[in-house]
Amino acid sequence: MVWMRFSRSNPPRNSAMILLVDDNRDGVLARQSVLEELGYQVVPAHCGADALQWVEKQIFDLVITDYKMWPMDGLELIAELRRREFANPIILLSGFVESIGLRPENTGADSVIQKSANEISTLLRQTNRFLNPKKPAASSRTKLRARSAGQS
């Protein structure tokens, strides 16, 4: 696991809100701790029903959910979020990614991460990708504008 340490008195600031859903309290605490140390605001939910209640009252920039939960699993939660027109990214975590073939194309998630020794570093990389997208370099933007202007 990759652990990054910041001074508690001066953590980096990030206004992104993350809903973290897992019925395993230890898993929630570990992931929440790492994400909060990076400055993200994290709201834990311990089941799909709690997650749906939170989404009704709060805007989340990202949802991270476990696959295997009861009574509503991660796929059912994702389907319900999408039915409710939740358009922000969703990351699905599972220890069964490879064995049952979980992929973004068949889950409704934007990213699917295998639980493993690399899980935290992969989760942080994907979270950063969704919440802090890189802007094109100035030269790229200039080229895009020039191409667009030439097409009109």
C-alpha atoms as a PDB file:
ATOM      1  CA  MET A   1       0.000   0.000   0.000  1.00  0.00           C
ATOM      2  CA  VAL A   2       1.123   3.521  -0.718  1.00  0.00           C
ATOM      3  CA  TRP A   3       0.624   5.857   2.217  1.00  0.00           C
ATOM      4  CA  MET A   4       1.259   9.554   1.862  1.00  0.00           C
ATOM      5  CA  ARG A   5       1.688  11.676   4.955  1.00  0.00           C
ATOM      6  CA  PHE A   6       0.832  15.325   5.326  1.00  0.00           C
ATOM      7  CA  SER A   7       0.856  17.537   8.344  1.00  0.00           C
ATOM      8  CA  ARG A   8      -2.581  17.342   9.961  1.00  0.00           C
ATOM      9  CA  SER A   9      -2.472  21.105  10.481  1.00  0.00           C
ATOM     10  CA  ASN A  10      -1.845  21.830   6.816  1.00  0.00           C
ATOM     11  CA  PRO A  11      -3.267  19.137   4.513  1.00  0.00           C
ATOM     12  CA  PRO A  12      -3.638  19.996   0.834  1.00  0.00           C
ATOM     13  CA  ARG A  13      -7.052  21.468   0.065  1.00  0.00           C
ATOM     14  CA  ASN A  14      -9.428  19.984  -2.441  1.00  0.00           C
ATOM     15  CA  SER A  15     -13.085  20.831  -2.594  1.00  0.00           C
ATOM     16  CA  ALA A  16     -14.049  17.553  -4.283  1.00  0.00           C
ATOM     17  CA  MET A  17     -16.670  15.507  -2.431  1.00  0.00           C
ATOM     18  CA  ILE A  18     -16.327  11.716  -2.554  1.00  0.00           C
ATOM     19  CA  LEU A  19     -18.983   9.217  -1.476  1.00  0.00           C
ATOM     20  CA  LEU A  20     -17.219   6.044  -0.306  1.00  0.00           C
ATOM     21  CA  VAL A  21     -19.501   2.986  -0.115  1.00  0.00           C
ATOM     22  CA  ASP A  22     -18.473  -0.305   1.479  1.00  0.00           C
ATOM     23  CA  ASP A  23     -20.076  -2.547   4.090  1.00  0.00           C
ATOM     24  CA  ASN A  24     -16.604  -3.408   5.424  1.00  0.00           C
ATOM     25  CA  ARG A  25     -15.879  -0.703   8.001  1.00  0.00           C
ATOM     26  CA  ASP A  26     -12.129  -1.409   7.996  1.00  0.00           C
ATOM     27  CA  GLY A  27     -12.018  -0.948   4.212  1.00  0.00           C
ATOM     28  CA  VAL A  28     -13.904   2.328   4.495  1.00  0.00           C
ATOM     29  CA  LEU A  29     -11.618   3.645   7.240  1.00  0.00           C
ATOM     30  CA  ALA A  30      -8.428   2.766   5.351  1.00  0.00           C
ATOM     31  CA  ARG A  31      -9.542   4.332   2.057  1.00  0.00           C
ATOM     32  CA  GLN A  32     -11.145   7.318   3.766  1.00  0.00           C
ATOM     33  CA  SER A  33      -7.954   8.038   5.691  1.00  0.00           C
ATOM     34  CA  VAL A  34      -5.793   8.062   2.563  1.00  0.00           C
ATOM     35  CA  LEU A  35      -8.252  10.169   0.542  1.00  0.00           C
ATOM     36  CA  GLU A  36      -8.686  12.693   3.362  1.00  0.00           C
ATOM     37  CA  GLU A  37      -4.918  13.016   3.772  1.00  0.00           C
ATOM     38  CA  LEU A  38      -4.882  14.135   0.143  1.00  0.00           C
ATOM     39  CA  GLY A  39      -7.425  16.811   1.020  1.00  0.00           C
ATOM     40  CA  TYR A  40     -10.574  15.217  -0.393  1.00  0.00           C
ATOM     41  CA  GLN A  41     -13.821  15.474   1.546  1.00  0.00           C
ATOM     42  CA  VAL A  42     -15.075  11.918   2.076  1.00  0.00           C
ATOM     43  CA  VAL A  43     -18.504  10.796   3.220  1.00  0.00           C
ATOM     44  CA  PRO A  44     -18.689   7.118   4.192  1.00  0.00           C
ATOM     45  CA  ALA A  45     -21.784   5.010   3.515  1.00  0.00           C
ATOM     46  CA  HIS A  46     -21.971   1.452   4.769  1.00  0.00           C
ATOM     47  CA  CYS A  47     -24.602   0.156   2.341  1.00  0.00           C
ATOM     48  CA  GLY A  48     -26.258   1.036  -0.952  1.00  0.00           C
ATOM     49  CA  ALA A  49     -29.395   2.398   0.725  1.00  0.00           C
ATOM     50  CA  ASP A  50     -27.301   4.835   2.796  1.00  0.00           C
ATOM     51  CA  ALA A  51     -25.442   5.875  -0.355  1.00  0.00           C
ATOM     52  CA  LEU A  52     -28.695   6.635  -2.174  1.00  0.00           C
ATOM     53  CA  GLN A  53     -29.889   8.741   0.772  1.00  0.00           C
ATOM     54  CA  TRP A  54     -26.638  10.722   0.736  1.00  0.00           C
ATOM     55  CA  VAL A  55     -26.911  11.348  -3.012  1.00  0.00           C
ATOM     56  CA  GLU A  56     -30.380  12.838  -2.437  1.00  0.00           C
ATOM     57  CA  LYS A  57     -28.997  15.452  -0.026  1.00  0.00           C
ATOM     58  CA  GLN A  58     -25.458  16.139  -1.227  1.00  0.00           C
ATOM     59  CA  ILE A  59     -23.674  16.639  -4.546  1.00  0.00           C
ATOM     60  CA  PHE A  60     -20.755  14.253  -4.973  1.00  0.00           C
ATOM     61  CA  ASP A  61     -17.990  14.652  -7.527  1.00  0.00           C
ATOM     62  CA  LEU A  62     -17.094  10.959  -7.342  1.00  0.00           C
ATOM     63  CA  VAL A  63     -18.580   7.751  -5.954  1.00  0.00           C
ATOM     64  CA  ILE A  64     -16.302   4.871  -4.991  1.00  0.00           C
ATOM     65  CA  THR A  65     -18.186   1.661  -4.239  1.00  0.00           C
ATOM     66  CA  ASP A  66     -17.376  -1.893  -3.342  1.00  0.00           C
ATOM     67  CA  TYR A  67     -18.893  -4.644  -5.479  1.00  0.00           C
ATOM     68  CA  LYS A  68     -19.841  -7.251  -2.899  1.00  0.00           C
ATOM     69  CA  MET A  69     -22.274  -5.736  -0.387  1.00  0.00           C
ATOM     70  CA  TRP A  70     -25.573  -6.775   1.075  1.00  0.00           C
ATOM     71  CA  PRO A  71     -28.467  -6.276   0.507  1.00  0.00           C
ATOM     72  CA  MET A  72     -27.658  -4.082  -2.517  1.00  0.00           C
ATOM     73  CA  ASP A  73     -24.411  -4.890  -4.331  1.00  0.00           C
ATOM     74  CA  GLY A  74     -22.245  -2.353  -6.124  1.00  0.00           C
ATOM     75  CA  LEU A  75     -23.702  -3.124  -9.564  1.00  0.00           C
ATOM     76  CA  GLU A  76     -27.238  -2.534  -8.287  1.00  0.00           C
ATOM     77  CA  LEU A  77     -26.112   0.716  -6.656  1.00  0.00           C
ATOM     78  CA  ILE A  78     -24.439   1.903  -9.860  1.00  0.00           C
ATOM     79  CA  ALA A  79     -27.523   1.009 -11.922  1.00  0.00           C
ATOM     80  CA  GLU A  80     -29.757   2.951  -9.532  1.00  0.00           C
ATOM     81  CA  LEU A  81     -27.417   5.963  -9.512  1.00  0.00           C
ATOM     82  CA  ARG A  82     -27.366   6.021 -13.315  1.00  0.00           C
ATOM     83  CA  ARG A  83     -31.167   5.607 -13.402  1.00  0.00           C
ATOM     84  CA  ARG A  84     -31.331   8.698 -11.186  1.00  0.00           C
ATOM     85  CA  GLU A  85     -29.118  10.463 -13.737  1.00  0.00           C
ATOM     86  CA  PHE A  86     -25.991  10.612 -11.582  1.00  0.00           C
ATOM     87  CA  ALA A  87     -23.507  11.649 -14.269  1.00  0.00           C
ATOM     88  CA  ASN A  88     -20.304  12.050 -12.260  1.00  0.00           C
ATOM     89  CA  PRO A  89     -17.652   9.321 -12.256  1.00  0.00           C
ATOM     90  CA  ILE A  90     -18.068   6.075 -10.345  1.00  0.00           C
ATOM     91  CA  ILE A  91     -15.232   3.735  -9.400  1.00  0.00           C
ATOM     92  CA  LEU A  92     -16.083   0.094  -8.645  1.00  0.00           C
ATOM     93  CA  LEU A  93     -13.756  -1.882  -6.342  1.00  0.00           C
ATOM     94  CA  SER A  94     -13.796  -5.660  -6.244  1.00  0.00           C
ATOM     95  CA  GLY A  95     -11.720  -8.674  -5.436  1.00  0.00           C
ATOM     96  CA  PHE A  96     -13.542 -10.432  -8.278  1.00  0.00           C
ATOM     97  CA  VAL A  97     -12.695  -8.134 -11.207  1.00  0.00           C
ATOM     98  CA  GLU A  98     -10.777 -10.735 -13.182  1.00  0.00           C
ATOM     99  CA  SER A  99     -12.672 -13.861 -12.142  1.00  0.00           C
ATOM    100  CA  ILE A 100     -16.100 -12.576 -13.196  1.00  0.00           C
ATOM    101  CA  GLY A 101     -14.975 -10.118 -15.854  1.00  0.00           C
ATOM    102  CA  LEU A 102     -16.018  -6.797 -14.343  1.00  0.00           C
ATOM    103  CA  ARG A 103     -15.279  -3.923 -16.733  1.00  0.00           C
ATOM    104  CA  PRO A 104     -16.608  -0.398 -17.197  1.00  0.00           C
ATOM    105  CA  GLU A 105     -18.530  -1.603 -20.260  1.00  0.00           C
ATOM    106  CA  ASN A 106     -20.583  -4.134 -18.308  1.00  0.00           C
ATOM    107  CA  THR A 107     -20.897  -2.421 -14.907  1.00  0.00           C
ATOM    108  CA  GLY A 108     -21.869   1.192 -15.569  1.00  0.00           C
ATOM    109  CA  ALA A 109     -18.772   2.315 -13.660  1.00  0.00           C
ATOM    110  CA  ASP A 110     -16.206   4.658 -15.178  1.00  0.00           C
ATOM    111  CA  SER A 111     -13.364   2.598 -13.732  1.00  0.00           C
ATOM    112  CA  VAL A 112     -13.082  -0.866 -12.191  1.00  0.00           C
ATOM    113  CA  ILE A 113     -10.245  -1.587  -9.776  1.00  0.00           C
ATOM    114  CA  GLN A 114      -9.079  -5.005  -8.593  1.00  0.00           C
ATOM    115  CA  LYS A 115      -8.544  -5.190  -4.843  1.00  0.00           C
ATOM    116  CA  SER A 116      -4.897  -6.089  -4.426  1.00  0.00           C
ATOM    117  CA  ALA A 117      -1.616  -4.858  -3.011  1.00  0.00           C
ATOM    118  CA  ASN A 118      -1.717  -2.105  -5.682  1.00  0.00           C
ATOM    119  CA  GLU A 119      -5.293  -1.077  -4.926  1.00  0.00           C
ATOM    120  CA  ILE A 120      -4.526   2.148  -3.052  1.00  0.00           C
ATOM    121  CA  SER A 121      -2.067   3.498  -5.621  1.00  0.00           C
ATOM    122  CA  THR A 122      -4.475   2.600  -8.448  1.00  0.00           C
ATOM    123  CA  LEU A 123      -7.398   4.149  -6.571  1.00  0.00           C
ATOM    124  CA  LEU A 124      -5.466   7.369  -5.988  1.00  0.00           C
ATOM    125  CA  ARG A 125      -4.389   7.530  -9.638  1.00  0.00           C
ATOM    126  CA  GLN A 126      -7.975   7.022 -10.874  1.00  0.00           C
ATOM    127  CA  THR A 127      -9.400   9.474  -8.322  1.00  0.00           C
ATOM    128  CA  ASN A 128      -6.901  12.104  -9.427  1.00  0.00           C
ATOM    129  CA  ARG A 129      -7.674  11.390 -13.087  1.00  0.00           C
ATOM    130  CA  PHE A 130     -11.400  11.974 -12.552  1.00  0.00           C
ATOM    131  CA  LEU A 131     -11.202  14.887 -10.133  1.00  0.00           C
ATOM    132  CA  ASN A 132      -8.160  16.734 -11.449  1.00  0.00           C
ATOM    133  CA  PRO A 133      -8.177  16.265 -15.217  1.00  0.00           C
ATOM    134  CA  LYS A 134      -5.146  17.659 -16.969  1.00  0.00           C
ATOM    135  CA  LYS A 135      -5.780  20.696 -19.088  1.00  0.00           C
ATOM    136  CA  PRO A 136      -4.272  20.710 -22.566  1.00  0.00           C
ATOM    137  CA  ALA A 137      -1.037  22.655 -22.851  1.00  0.00           C
ATOM    138  CA  ALA A 138      -1.342  26.199 -24.175  1.00  0.00           C
ATOM    139  CA  SER A 139       0.184  25.165 -27.492  1.00  0.00           C
ATOM    140  CA  SER A 140      -2.406  22.384 -27.837  1.00  0.00           C
ATOM    141  CA  ARG A 141      -5.261  24.800 -27.106  1.00  0.00           C
ATOM    142  CA  THR A 142      -3.858  27.244 -29.653  1.00  0.00           C
ATOM    143  CA  LYS A 143      -3.680  24.508 -32.296  1.00  0.00           C
ATOM    144  CA  LEU A 144      -7.249  23.424 -31.508  1.00  0.00           C
ATOM    145  CA  ARG A 145      -8.514  27.008 -31.812  1.00  0.00           C
ATOM    146  CA  ALA A 146      -6.647  27.477 -35.071  1.00  0.00           C
ATOM    147  CA  ARG A 147      -8.129  24.276 -36.500  1.00  0.00           C
ATOM    148  CA  SER A 148     -11.614  25.223 -35.343  1.00  0.00           C
ATOM    149  CA  ALA A 149     -11.315  28.703 -36.850  1.00  0.00           C
ATOM    150  CA  GLY A 150     -10.171  27.238 -40.157  1.00  0.00           C
ATOM    151  CA  GLN A 151     -13.224  24.922 -40.305  1.00  0.00           C
ATOM    152  CA  SER A 152     -15.835  27.643 -39.948  1.00  0.00           C
END
